Amino acid sequence: MVEDIKNIPAQMPAGESDLVICNPPYKLNGSGITNPNASKVIARHETECTLDDICIAARRLLRFGGRFVMCQRPERLTDVLSTMRAYELEPKRLRMVQGRADKAPKLFLCEAKRGAKAGYMDVLPALMIEDENGFTEEMKQIYGSYKEGHDG
């Protein structure tokens, strides 16, 4: 099923989900390099949905105390945290994702809880993708056997 995120909540029961996960467009509409492929523009830029649209959908779908997890670029951290909070999705865990220890983070993972009290947020150590030997042990555990037989 392909559907606009703004229509999905109307088709699904409200307040019954324990977990909503989203890998949204990373860039604001009109920012960064625009790909000539329309599908890639929609996937990478907030042309068809915004952080507000995503948080509205997540809030409606989640039960009280349900978790909302998002992956996003570090330059959007303030946008994500403030938008989550505006829709009663309180940020509770944050983790930066780095390719290597000597590189700046390229992504972050944020977990919010619907209806949680404002305040404490657990900031976890960065997730390192690679070390001098290739994938870190943690990344090997995350990927598990997925990579086996998947060369592309």
N, C-alpha and C. Protein backbone atom coordinates (compact mmCIF):
# COMPACT_ATOMS: atom_id res chain seq x y z
N MET A 1 0.85 -1.18 0.00
CA MET A 1 0.00 0.00 0.00
C MET A 1 0.89 1.24 0.00
N VAL A 2 0.66 2.14 -0.91
CA VAL A 2 1.35 3.42 -0.95
C VAL A 2 0.32 4.47 -0.57
N GLU A 3 0.66 5.27 0.41
CA GLU A 3 -0.31 6.25 0.91
C GLU A 3 0.43 7.47 1.44
N ASP A 4 -0.19 8.60 1.33
CA ASP A 4 0.33 9.84 1.89
C ASP A 4 0.27 9.74 3.42
N ILE A 5 1.37 10.09 4.09
CA ILE A 5 1.43 9.99 5.56
C ILE A 5 0.30 10.79 6.22
N LYS A 6 -0.15 11.84 5.56
CA LYS A 6 -1.22 12.65 6.13
C LYS A 6 -2.57 11.93 6.12
N ASN A 7 -2.70 10.85 5.32
CA ASN A 7 -3.93 10.07 5.27
C ASN A 7 -3.87 8.79 6.10
N ILE A 8 -2.67 8.30 6.40
CA ILE A 8 -2.54 7.04 7.11
C ILE A 8 -3.23 7.03 8.46
N PRO A 9 -3.07 8.06 9.30
CA PRO A 9 -3.74 8.00 10.61
C PRO A 9 -5.25 7.82 10.52
N ALA A 10 -5.89 8.39 9.51
CA ALA A 10 -7.33 8.24 9.37
C ALA A 10 -7.71 6.80 9.06
N GLN A 11 -6.80 6.04 8.46
CA GLN A 11 -7.08 4.66 8.08
C GLN A 11 -6.70 3.66 9.17
N MET A 12 -6.02 4.11 10.20
CA MET A 12 -5.54 3.21 11.25
C MET A 12 -6.16 3.61 12.59
N PRO A 13 -6.29 2.66 13.49
CA PRO A 13 -6.87 2.99 14.79
C PRO A 13 -5.99 3.95 15.59
N ALA A 14 -6.63 4.95 16.15
CA ALA A 14 -5.92 5.95 16.94
C ALA A 14 -5.56 5.40 18.31
N GLY A 15 -4.37 5.78 18.79
CA GLY A 15 -3.97 5.46 20.15
C GLY A 15 -3.76 4.00 20.47
N GLU A 16 -3.46 3.19 19.47
CA GLU A 16 -3.29 1.75 19.71
C GLU A 16 -1.88 1.24 19.42
N SER A 17 -1.02 2.07 18.89
CA SER A 17 0.32 1.61 18.54
C SER A 17 1.28 1.81 19.71
N ASP A 18 2.16 0.84 19.89
CA ASP A 18 3.21 0.92 20.90
C ASP A 18 4.45 1.62 20.37
N LEU A 19 4.65 1.53 19.05
CA LEU A 19 5.88 2.03 18.45
C LEU A 19 5.62 2.55 17.05
N VAL A 20 6.15 3.74 16.76
CA VAL A 20 6.15 4.30 15.41
C VAL A 20 7.59 4.63 15.09
N ILE A 21 8.06 4.18 13.93
CA ILE A 21 9.44 4.42 13.49
C ILE A 21 9.40 5.20 12.18
N CYS A 22 10.27 6.20 12.05
CA CYS A 22 10.27 7.02 10.85
C CYS A 22 11.68 7.41 10.44
N ASN A 23 11.94 7.27 9.15
CA ASN A 23 13.16 7.77 8.53
C ASN A 23 12.70 8.85 7.55
N PRO A 24 12.49 10.08 8.04
CA PRO A 24 11.84 11.11 7.22
C PRO A 24 12.80 11.75 6.22
N PRO A 25 12.24 12.60 5.34
CA PRO A 25 13.14 13.40 4.49
C PRO A 25 14.07 14.21 5.39
N TYR A 26 15.33 14.27 5.03
CA TYR A 26 16.33 14.94 5.86
C TYR A 26 16.39 16.45 5.65
N LYS A 27 16.03 16.91 4.48
CA LYS A 27 16.26 18.32 4.14
C LYS A 27 14.96 19.11 4.08
N LEU A 28 15.05 20.37 4.49
CA LEU A 28 13.92 21.28 4.33
C LEU A 28 13.66 21.50 2.85
N ASN A 29 12.43 21.76 2.49
CA ASN A 29 12.10 22.05 1.10
C ASN A 29 12.88 23.28 0.66
N GLY A 30 13.52 23.19 -0.49
CA GLY A 30 14.28 24.31 -1.03
C GLY A 30 15.72 24.39 -0.56
N SER A 31 16.17 23.41 0.25
CA SER A 31 17.55 23.44 0.72
C SER A 31 18.34 22.29 0.09
N GLY A 32 19.63 22.45 0.03
CA GLY A 32 20.50 21.41 -0.50
C GLY A 32 20.36 21.23 -2.01
N ILE A 33 21.06 20.23 -2.51
CA ILE A 33 21.03 19.92 -3.94
C ILE A 33 19.76 19.13 -4.23
N THR A 34 19.05 19.54 -5.27
CA THR A 34 17.81 18.87 -5.64
C THR A 34 18.08 17.89 -6.78
N ASN A 35 17.72 16.64 -6.57
CA ASN A 35 17.89 15.59 -7.57
C ASN A 35 16.86 15.79 -8.68
N PRO A 36 17.20 15.52 -9.93
CA PRO A 36 16.22 15.66 -11.02
C PRO A 36 15.11 14.60 -10.95
N ASN A 37 15.33 13.52 -10.22
CA ASN A 37 14.33 12.46 -10.07
C ASN A 37 13.31 12.88 -9.00
N ALA A 38 12.05 13.01 -9.40
CA ALA A 38 10.99 13.50 -8.50
C ALA A 38 10.83 12.61 -7.26
N SER A 39 10.95 11.29 -7.41
CA SER A 39 10.82 10.38 -6.26
C SER A 39 11.92 10.63 -5.23
N LYS A 40 13.13 10.90 -5.71
CA LYS A 40 14.23 11.17 -4.80
C LYS A 40 14.07 12.52 -4.11
N VAL A 41 13.51 13.48 -4.80
CA VAL A 41 13.24 14.78 -4.18
C VAL A 41 12.26 14.60 -3.03
N ILE A 42 11.19 13.85 -3.26
CA ILE A 42 10.18 13.60 -2.21
C ILE A 42 10.80 12.86 -1.04
N ALA A 43 11.66 11.89 -1.31
CA ALA A 43 12.29 11.10 -0.25
C ALA A 43 13.29 11.91 0.56
N ARG A 44 13.94 12.88 -0.06
CA ARG A 44 15.04 13.61 0.59
C ARG A 44 14.68 14.99 1.13
N HIS A 45 13.63 15.59 0.60
CA HIS A 45 13.26 16.96 0.97
C HIS A 45 11.82 17.00 1.47
N GLU A 46 11.54 17.92 2.36
CA GLU A 46 10.19 18.06 2.91
C GLU A 46 9.27 18.75 1.91
N THR A 47 9.06 18.12 0.75
CA THR A 47 8.17 18.69 -0.26
C THR A 47 6.74 18.20 -0.06
N GLU A 48 6.57 16.96 0.36
CA GLU A 48 5.24 16.37 0.50
C GLU A 48 4.81 16.16 1.95
N CYS A 49 5.77 16.12 2.85
CA CYS A 49 5.44 16.03 4.28
C CYS A 49 6.54 16.71 5.09
N THR A 50 6.15 17.23 6.22
CA THR A 50 7.07 17.97 7.08
C THR A 50 7.23 17.22 8.41
N LEU A 51 8.15 17.70 9.23
CA LEU A 51 8.28 17.13 10.58
C LEU A 51 6.96 17.26 11.33
N ASP A 52 6.25 18.35 11.13
CA ASP A 52 4.95 18.51 11.77
C ASP A 52 3.99 17.40 11.34
N ASP A 53 3.91 17.13 10.04
CA ASP A 53 3.02 16.07 9.53
C ASP A 53 3.37 14.72 10.16
N ILE A 54 4.66 14.44 10.25
CA ILE A 54 5.12 13.17 10.81
C ILE A 54 4.77 13.07 12.28
N CYS A 55 5.02 14.13 13.03
CA CYS A 55 4.72 14.10 14.47
C CYS A 55 3.22 14.06 14.74
N ILE A 56 2.42 14.71 13.91
CA ILE A 56 0.96 14.63 14.04
C ILE A 56 0.51 13.19 13.85
N ALA A 57 1.02 12.53 12.82
CA ALA A 57 0.64 11.14 12.55
C ALA A 57 1.10 10.23 13.69
N ALA A 58 2.34 10.40 14.15
CA ALA A 58 2.86 9.55 15.23
C ALA A 58 2.04 9.74 16.51
N ARG A 59 1.76 10.98 16.86
CA ARG A 59 0.99 11.26 18.08
C ARG A 59 -0.39 10.60 18.02
N ARG A 60 -1.05 10.69 16.89
CA ARG A 60 -2.39 10.11 16.76
C ARG A 60 -2.34 8.58 16.87
N LEU A 61 -1.34 7.97 16.29
CA LEU A 61 -1.25 6.50 16.27
C LEU A 61 -0.84 5.91 17.60
N LEU A 62 0.00 6.63 18.36
CA LEU A 62 0.58 6.07 19.59
C LEU A 62 -0.39 6.09 20.77
N ARG A 63 -0.32 5.04 21.56
CA ARG A 63 -1.02 5.01 22.85
C ARG A 63 -0.24 5.92 23.79
N PHE A 64 -0.82 6.29 24.93
CA PHE A 64 -0.11 7.05 25.95
C PHE A 64 1.09 6.22 26.40
N GLY A 65 2.27 6.79 26.38
CA GLY A 65 3.49 6.07 26.75
C GLY A 65 4.13 5.33 25.59
N GLY A 66 3.48 5.34 24.41
CA GLY A 66 4.05 4.70 23.23
C GLY A 66 5.30 5.43 22.76
N ARG A 67 6.16 4.73 22.04
CA ARG A 67 7.45 5.28 21.63
C ARG A 67 7.46 5.68 20.16
N PHE A 68 8.11 6.79 19.88
CA PHE A 68 8.30 7.30 18.52
C PHE A 68 9.80 7.43 18.29
N VAL A 69 10.31 6.77 17.27
CA VAL A 69 11.74 6.75 16.99
C VAL A 69 11.98 7.35 15.60
N MET A 70 12.95 8.24 15.53
CA MET A 70 13.27 8.90 14.27
C MET A 70 14.77 8.95 14.05
N CYS A 71 15.16 8.84 12.80
CA CYS A 71 16.54 9.00 12.35
C CYS A 71 16.58 10.30 11.56
N GLN A 72 17.59 11.14 11.81
CA GLN A 72 17.65 12.42 11.13
C GLN A 72 19.10 12.93 11.13
N ARG A 73 19.36 13.98 10.39
CA ARG A 73 20.68 14.60 10.31
C ARG A 73 20.90 15.54 11.49
N PRO A 74 22.15 15.64 12.01
CA PRO A 74 22.44 16.50 13.16
C PRO A 74 22.03 17.96 12.98
N GLU A 75 22.11 18.48 11.77
CA GLU A 75 21.72 19.88 11.58
C GLU A 75 20.23 20.12 11.80
N ARG A 76 19.43 19.04 11.89
CA ARG A 76 17.99 19.15 12.14
C ARG A 76 17.62 18.82 13.59
N LEU A 77 18.62 18.66 14.46
CA LEU A 77 18.36 18.24 15.84
C LEU A 77 17.39 19.17 16.56
N THR A 78 17.63 20.46 16.51
CA THR A 78 16.74 21.42 17.19
C THR A 78 15.33 21.34 16.62
N ASP A 79 15.21 21.24 15.29
CA ASP A 79 13.89 21.12 14.66
C ASP A 79 13.15 19.89 15.17
N VAL A 80 13.85 18.77 15.22
CA VAL A 80 13.22 17.51 15.63
C VAL A 80 12.77 17.58 17.09
N LEU A 81 13.66 18.00 17.98
CA LEU A 81 13.32 18.02 19.40
C LEU A 81 12.16 18.98 19.69
N SER A 82 12.18 20.14 19.09
CA SER A 82 11.11 21.11 19.35
C SER A 82 9.79 20.68 18.72
N THR A 83 9.84 20.06 17.55
CA THR A 83 8.60 19.61 16.91
C THR A 83 8.01 18.43 17.67
N MET A 84 8.85 17.49 18.10
CA MET A 84 8.35 16.38 18.90
C MET A 84 7.62 16.91 20.14
N ARG A 85 8.28 17.79 20.85
CA ARG A 85 7.71 18.32 22.09
C ARG A 85 6.40 19.07 21.82
N ALA A 86 6.32 19.78 20.70
CA ALA A 86 5.10 20.53 20.36
C ALA A 86 3.89 19.61 20.21
N TYR A 87 4.14 18.33 19.88
CA TYR A 87 3.05 17.37 19.69
C TYR A 87 3.00 16.33 20.80
N GLU A 88 3.47 16.72 21.99
CA GLU A 88 3.42 15.86 23.18
C GLU A 88 4.15 14.54 22.99
N LEU A 89 5.22 14.59 22.22
CA LEU A 89 6.14 13.46 22.04
C LEU A 89 7.45 13.90 22.70
N GLU A 90 7.65 13.50 23.93
CA GLU A 90 8.77 14.02 24.72
C GLU A 90 10.05 13.23 24.42
N PRO A 91 11.09 13.92 23.89
CA PRO A 91 12.36 13.25 23.62
C PRO A 91 12.95 12.67 24.90
N LYS A 92 13.30 11.37 24.85
CA LYS A 92 13.81 10.68 26.04
C LYS A 92 15.17 10.02 25.82
N ARG A 93 15.51 9.70 24.58
CA ARG A 93 16.83 9.09 24.31
C ARG A 93 17.37 9.67 23.01
N LEU A 94 18.68 9.93 23.02
CA LEU A 94 19.35 10.51 21.86
C LEU A 94 20.69 9.80 21.67
N ARG A 95 20.98 9.46 20.41
CA ARG A 95 22.25 8.81 20.10
C ARG A 95 22.75 9.29 18.75
N MET A 96 23.96 9.82 18.72
CA MET A 96 24.59 10.21 17.47
C MET A 96 25.14 8.97 16.78
N VAL A 97 25.21 9.03 15.45
CA VAL A 97 25.73 7.92 14.65
C VAL A 97 26.90 8.46 13.84
N GLN A 98 28.08 7.85 14.04
CA GLN A 98 29.30 8.29 13.36
C GLN A 98 29.84 7.16 12.49
N GLY A 99 30.34 7.53 11.31
CA GLY A 99 30.97 6.55 10.44
C GLY A 99 32.22 5.97 11.09
N ARG A 100 33.03 6.85 11.65
CA ARG A 100 34.27 6.47 12.34
C ARG A 100 34.48 7.43 13.51
N ALA A 101 35.32 7.05 14.44
CA ALA A 101 35.55 7.85 15.64
C ALA A 101 36.15 9.22 15.32
N ASP A 102 36.90 9.33 14.23
CA ASP A 102 37.54 10.59 13.88
C ASP A 102 36.68 11.48 12.98
N LYS A 103 35.42 11.10 12.75
CA LYS A 103 34.51 11.86 11.90
C LYS A 103 33.34 12.41 12.72
N ALA A 104 32.79 13.52 12.27
CA ALA A 104 31.60 14.09 12.93
C ALA A 104 30.40 13.19 12.66
N PRO A 105 29.42 13.20 13.54
CA PRO A 105 28.21 12.40 13.32
C PRO A 105 27.49 12.83 12.04
N LYS A 106 26.96 11.84 11.33
CA LYS A 106 26.19 12.10 10.11
C LYS A 106 24.69 11.95 10.35
N LEU A 107 24.33 11.24 11.41
CA LEU A 107 22.93 11.00 11.75
C LEU A 107 22.76 11.03 13.25
N PHE A 108 21.50 11.10 13.68
CA PHE A 108 21.18 10.84 15.08
C PHE A 108 19.90 10.02 15.13
N LEU A 109 19.77 9.29 16.21
CA LEU A 109 18.57 8.51 16.49
C LEU A 109 17.93 9.14 17.72
N CYS A 110 16.64 9.38 17.66
CA CYS A 110 15.95 9.99 18.80
C CYS A 110 14.70 9.19 19.10
N GLU A 111 14.50 8.90 20.38
CA GLU A 111 13.29 8.21 20.83
C GLU A 111 12.51 9.15 21.74
N ALA A 112 11.23 9.29 21.44
CA ALA A 112 10.34 10.12 22.26
C ALA A 112 9.20 9.24 22.77
N LYS A 113 8.59 9.67 23.87
CA LYS A 113 7.43 8.96 24.41
C LYS A 113 6.24 9.89 24.41
N ARG A 114 5.12 9.35 23.96
CA ARG A 114 3.89 10.15 23.93
C ARG A 114 3.39 10.39 25.36
N GLY A 115 3.23 11.66 25.69
CA GLY A 115 2.66 12.04 26.97
C GLY A 115 3.61 12.00 28.15
N ALA A 116 4.89 11.73 27.93
CA ALA A 116 5.86 11.68 29.03
C ALA A 116 6.13 13.09 29.56
N LYS A 117 6.55 13.14 30.81
CA LYS A 117 6.89 14.42 31.42
C LYS A 117 8.15 15.00 30.76
N ALA A 118 8.17 16.31 30.65
CA ALA A 118 9.36 17.00 30.13
C ALA A 118 10.48 16.86 31.14
N GLY A 119 11.68 16.87 30.64
CA GLY A 119 12.81 16.82 31.55
C GLY A 119 13.90 15.91 31.04
N TYR A 120 14.26 14.95 31.84
CA TYR A 120 15.42 14.11 31.60
C TYR A 120 15.41 13.44 30.23
N MET A 121 16.55 13.54 29.53
CA MET A 121 16.77 12.82 28.28
C MET A 121 18.11 12.09 28.40
N ASP A 122 18.10 10.82 28.12
CA ASP A 122 19.30 10.00 28.18
C ASP A 122 20.08 10.18 26.87
N VAL A 123 21.31 10.71 26.95
CA VAL A 123 22.17 10.86 25.78
C VAL A 123 23.17 9.72 25.82
N LEU A 124 23.04 8.83 24.85
CA LEU A 124 23.86 7.61 24.80
C LEU A 124 25.19 7.86 24.08
N PRO A 125 26.18 7.00 24.32
CA PRO A 125 27.43 7.12 23.55
C PRO A 125 27.15 6.96 22.06
N ALA A 126 27.96 7.58 21.24
CA ALA A 126 27.78 7.52 19.79
C ALA A 126 27.88 6.07 19.29
N LEU A 127 27.07 5.77 18.29
CA LEU A 127 27.14 4.49 17.59
C LEU A 127 28.18 4.64 16.50
N MET A 128 29.25 3.87 16.59
CA MET A 128 30.31 3.89 15.58
C MET A 128 30.03 2.80 14.55
N ILE A 129 30.05 3.18 13.28
CA ILE A 129 29.78 2.24 12.20
C ILE A 129 31.02 1.39 11.90
N GLU A 130 32.18 2.04 11.79
CA GLU A 130 33.40 1.34 11.41
C GLU A 130 34.54 1.68 12.36
N ASP A 131 35.49 0.75 12.43
CA ASP A 131 36.77 1.01 13.08
C ASP A 131 37.86 0.58 12.10
N GLU A 132 39.08 0.45 12.57
CA GLU A 132 40.19 0.10 11.68
C GLU A 132 40.04 -1.28 11.04
N ASN A 133 39.14 -2.12 11.55
CA ASN A 133 38.94 -3.47 11.03
C ASN A 133 37.67 -3.63 10.20
N GLY A 134 36.99 -2.53 9.88
CA GLY A 134 35.71 -2.61 9.15
C GLY A 134 34.57 -2.31 10.11
N PHE A 135 33.43 -3.01 9.92
CA PHE A 135 32.29 -2.80 10.82
C PHE A 135 32.69 -3.06 12.26
N THR A 136 32.20 -2.19 13.17
CA THR A 136 32.44 -2.41 14.59
C THR A 136 31.64 -3.64 15.05
N GLU A 137 32.00 -4.17 16.19
CA GLU A 137 31.28 -5.34 16.73
C GLU A 137 29.80 -5.01 16.94
N GLU A 138 29.53 -3.79 17.41
CA GLU A 138 28.12 -3.41 17.61
C GLU A 138 27.36 -3.40 16.29
N MET A 139 27.97 -2.90 15.22
CA MET A 139 27.30 -2.90 13.92
C MET A 139 27.10 -4.32 13.41
N LYS A 140 28.06 -5.19 13.65
CA LYS A 140 27.89 -6.59 13.26
C LYS A 140 26.71 -7.21 13.99
N GLN A 141 26.54 -6.87 15.26
CA GLN A 141 25.39 -7.38 16.02
C GLN A 141 24.08 -6.81 15.48
N ILE A 142 24.08 -5.55 15.11
CA ILE A 142 22.87 -4.91 14.56
C ILE A 142 22.49 -5.56 13.24
N TYR A 143 23.46 -5.72 12.35
CA TYR A 143 23.18 -6.30 11.05
C TYR A 143 22.91 -7.80 11.12
N GLY A 144 23.55 -8.48 12.06
CA GLY A 144 23.36 -9.92 12.17
C GLY A 144 23.69 -10.60 10.86
N SER A 145 22.85 -11.52 10.44
CA SER A 145 23.09 -12.27 9.22
C SER A 145 22.54 -11.56 7.98
N TYR A 146 21.99 -10.37 8.15
CA TYR A 146 21.41 -9.65 7.02
C TYR A 146 22.41 -9.49 5.88
N LYS A 147 23.63 -9.09 6.19
CA LYS A 147 24.63 -8.80 5.16
C LYS A 147 25.03 -10.06 4.39
N GLU A 148 24.92 -11.23 5.03
CA GLU A 148 25.28 -12.47 4.34
C GLU A 148 24.39 -12.66 3.11
N GLY A 149 25.04 -12.78 1.97
CA GLY A 149 24.28 -12.99 0.73
C GLY A 149 23.68 -11.72 0.16
N HIS A 150 23.97 -10.56 0.73
CA HIS A 150 23.46 -9.29 0.23
C HIS A 150 24.67 -8.41 -0.13
N ASP A 151 25.16 -8.55 -1.32
CA ASP A 151 26.34 -7.80 -1.72
C ASP A 151 25.99 -6.41 -2.26
N GLY A 152 24.75 -6.10 -2.44
CA GLY A 152 24.42 -4.79 -3.02
C GLY A 152 23.49 -4.07 -2.23
